[in-house]
Amino acid sequence: MRKFTLLLTITIFLFIFSSCGGGGGGGNDAPAEGKITISGAPDTITIIDTETNWYEYCCFVIVVKDANGIPLNNVNLSISYPWAIPNPPGLVQLYDGDTPEDSPMDVTTDGNGAFYLKIRYQGGLVEYTGSLIVVSGSLSATAKFEVSTE
């Protein structure tokens, strides 16, 4: 009986311990009462030229805050964009710093509760629009990213 009680106690402890924290990024998911914001981009990025060129846009600033408005560090984020094609890049490539990542990409917020997303995108003769989608736990946020030739 003593072995069973000890084994049961260890199992419960391991279950509780493993349920703390977050997913693949090594951080925590955003709390349900928190908020994700995306800033740093105009509603529409307009490219007017006659050639197909690659451009870089830096940066979308993604911030996760708790219910009191305090930024949260080490929060897991999943970021996707419908035109971001995995390697080799299609019309859009997402970056973690200088490293290209497939969409969706999994990252964590920094010590200030932020993640800085750089995007490399194709403009010129190509027009497209879509929503950048950021998810953490039960929270999500979107930002429109559009490339136009007019």
Protein backbone atom coordinates (compact mmCIF):
# COMPACT_ATOMS: atom_id res chain seq x y z
CA MET A 1 0.00 0.00 0.00
CA ARG A 2 2.87 2.34 0.82
CA LYS A 3 4.46 1.81 -2.62
CA PHE A 4 1.12 2.47 -4.30
CA THR A 5 0.64 5.73 -2.37
CA LEU A 6 4.18 6.87 -3.19
CA LEU A 7 3.73 5.99 -6.88
CA LEU A 8 0.37 7.79 -6.98
CA THR A 9 1.88 10.90 -5.32
CA ILE A 10 4.78 10.99 -7.81
CA THR A 11 2.42 10.51 -10.75
CA ILE A 12 0.17 13.36 -9.58
CA PHE A 13 3.20 15.62 -9.05
CA LEU A 14 4.54 14.85 -12.54
CA PHE A 15 1.12 15.47 -14.09
CA ILE A 16 0.80 18.85 -12.37
CA PHE A 17 4.38 19.80 -13.21
CA SER A 18 4.02 18.86 -16.89
CA SER A 19 0.83 20.90 -17.26
CA CYS A 20 2.63 24.08 -16.19
CA GLY A 21 4.20 26.21 -18.86
CA GLY A 22 3.70 26.24 -22.57
CA GLY A 23 4.23 24.46 -25.80
CA GLY A 24 7.00 23.91 -28.29
CA GLY A 25 8.63 27.32 -27.86
CA GLY A 26 9.61 26.54 -24.28
CA GLY A 27 7.49 29.37 -22.91
CA ASN A 28 3.96 29.78 -21.65
CA ASP A 29 0.73 30.40 -23.51
CA ALA A 30 -0.86 33.81 -23.09
CA PRO A 31 -3.41 33.99 -20.28
CA ALA A 32 -7.04 33.98 -21.43
CA GLU A 33 -7.64 37.40 -19.84
CA GLY A 34 -4.60 38.92 -21.61
CA LYS A 35 -4.27 40.69 -24.94
CA ILE A 36 -2.10 40.40 -28.06
CA THR A 37 -1.43 43.55 -30.09
CA ILE A 38 0.23 43.92 -33.49
CA SER A 39 1.63 47.30 -34.47
CA GLY A 40 4.20 48.88 -36.71
CA ALA A 41 2.65 48.43 -40.15
CA PRO A 42 0.44 50.62 -42.28
CA ASP A 43 -2.93 49.17 -43.32
CA THR A 44 -1.65 48.76 -46.88
CA ILE A 45 1.85 48.59 -48.25
CA THR A 46 1.76 49.93 -51.79
CA ILE A 47 4.46 49.10 -54.32
CA ILE A 48 4.30 50.84 -57.69
CA ASP A 49 6.76 49.69 -60.33
CA THR A 50 6.88 47.56 -63.48
CA GLU A 51 9.32 44.92 -62.28
CA THR A 52 8.96 42.11 -59.79
CA ASN A 53 11.23 42.92 -56.85
CA TRP A 54 11.84 41.64 -53.34
CA TYR A 55 11.36 44.07 -50.46
CA GLU A 56 11.84 43.85 -46.71
CA TYR A 57 9.44 45.28 -44.19
CA CYS A 58 10.61 45.61 -40.64
CA CYS A 59 8.95 45.36 -38.29
CA PHE A 60 5.64 44.20 -37.01
CA VAL A 61 5.82 44.51 -33.24
CA ILE A 62 3.79 41.83 -31.49
CA VAL A 63 3.22 42.38 -27.75
CA VAL A 64 1.46 40.15 -25.22
CA LYS A 65 0.09 41.76 -22.04
CA ASP A 66 -1.77 40.40 -19.04
CA ALA A 67 -5.14 41.71 -17.82
CA ASN A 68 -3.37 44.58 -15.99
CA GLY A 69 -1.56 45.71 -19.16
CA ILE A 70 1.83 44.35 -18.06
CA PRO A 71 3.94 42.89 -20.92
CA LEU A 72 4.64 39.16 -20.56
CA ASN A 73 7.99 37.64 -21.48
CA ASN A 74 8.58 34.07 -22.67
CA VAL A 75 5.09 33.67 -24.17
CA ASN A 76 4.61 31.19 -27.03
CA LEU A 77 3.36 32.68 -30.30
CA SER A 78 2.32 31.01 -33.53
CA ILE A 79 2.51 33.44 -36.47
CA SER A 80 1.11 32.76 -39.94
CA TYR A 81 0.27 34.57 -43.17
CA PRO A 82 -1.63 32.94 -46.06
CA TRP A 83 0.91 33.93 -48.74
CA ALA A 84 3.95 32.90 -46.68
CA ILE A 85 5.04 29.73 -48.39
CA PRO A 86 7.61 27.44 -46.78
CA ASN A 87 11.08 27.19 -48.32
CA PRO A 88 11.78 28.14 -51.02
CA PRO A 89 9.91 31.36 -50.33
CA GLY A 90 6.81 32.19 -52.35
CA LEU A 91 5.39 35.71 -52.25
CA VAL A 92 6.17 36.29 -48.55
CA GLN A 93 8.84 34.99 -46.18
CA LEU A 94 8.60 35.41 -42.38
CA TYR A 95 11.78 36.05 -40.37
CA ASP A 96 12.85 35.47 -36.78
CA GLY A 97 15.66 38.04 -36.68
CA ASP A 98 17.71 37.26 -39.80
CA THR A 99 16.54 33.64 -39.99
CA PRO A 100 13.78 32.78 -42.50
CA GLU A 101 11.05 30.60 -40.99
CA ASP A 102 8.23 28.55 -42.44
CA SER A 103 4.65 29.64 -41.88
CA PRO A 104 3.27 29.08 -39.34
CA MET A 105 6.31 29.92 -37.25
CA ASP A 106 6.62 29.31 -33.51
CA VAL A 107 8.48 31.91 -31.42
CA THR A 108 8.42 33.39 -27.92
CA THR A 109 8.24 36.98 -26.69
CA ASP A 110 11.42 38.63 -25.38
CA GLY A 111 12.11 40.11 -21.94
CA ASN A 112 9.91 43.10 -22.80
CA GLY A 113 6.94 40.97 -23.82
CA ALA A 114 7.51 41.64 -27.53
CA PHE A 115 8.47 39.84 -30.72
CA TYR A 116 9.76 41.77 -33.74
CA LEU A 117 8.66 40.18 -37.01
CA LYS A 118 10.46 41.01 -40.23
CA ILE A 119 8.78 40.13 -43.52
CA ARG A 120 10.39 39.78 -46.94
CA TYR A 121 7.81 40.08 -49.69
CA GLN A 122 7.52 40.21 -53.45
CA GLY A 123 6.05 43.33 -55.04
CA GLY A 124 5.76 44.88 -58.44
CA LEU A 125 3.53 43.02 -60.85
CA VAL A 126 1.95 40.91 -58.12
CA GLU A 127 -1.04 41.98 -55.98
CA TYR A 128 -2.22 40.12 -52.87
CA THR A 129 -3.78 40.69 -49.48
CA GLY A 130 -4.20 38.69 -46.32
CA SER A 131 -4.22 38.77 -42.55
CA LEU A 132 -1.16 38.17 -40.45
CA ILE A 133 -2.47 35.91 -37.68
CA VAL A 134 -0.87 35.61 -34.23
CA VAL A 135 -2.14 32.98 -31.77
CA SER A 136 -1.18 32.10 -28.19
CA GLY A 137 -3.39 29.82 -26.14
CA SER A 138 -6.97 31.06 -26.52
CA LEU A 139 -5.90 34.56 -27.65
CA SER A 140 -5.38 35.78 -31.20
CA ALA A 141 -4.77 39.00 -33.11
CA THR A 142 -4.66 39.91 -36.80
CA ALA A 143 -3.17 42.65 -38.97
CA LYS A 144 -3.86 43.25 -42.66
CA PHE A 145 -0.87 43.09 -45.01
CA GLU A 146 -1.56 43.98 -48.63
CA VAL A 147 0.67 44.56 -51.62
CA SER A 148 -0.78 46.53 -54.54
CA THR A 149 0.54 47.94 -57.81
CA GLU A 150 -1.69 51.07 -57.70
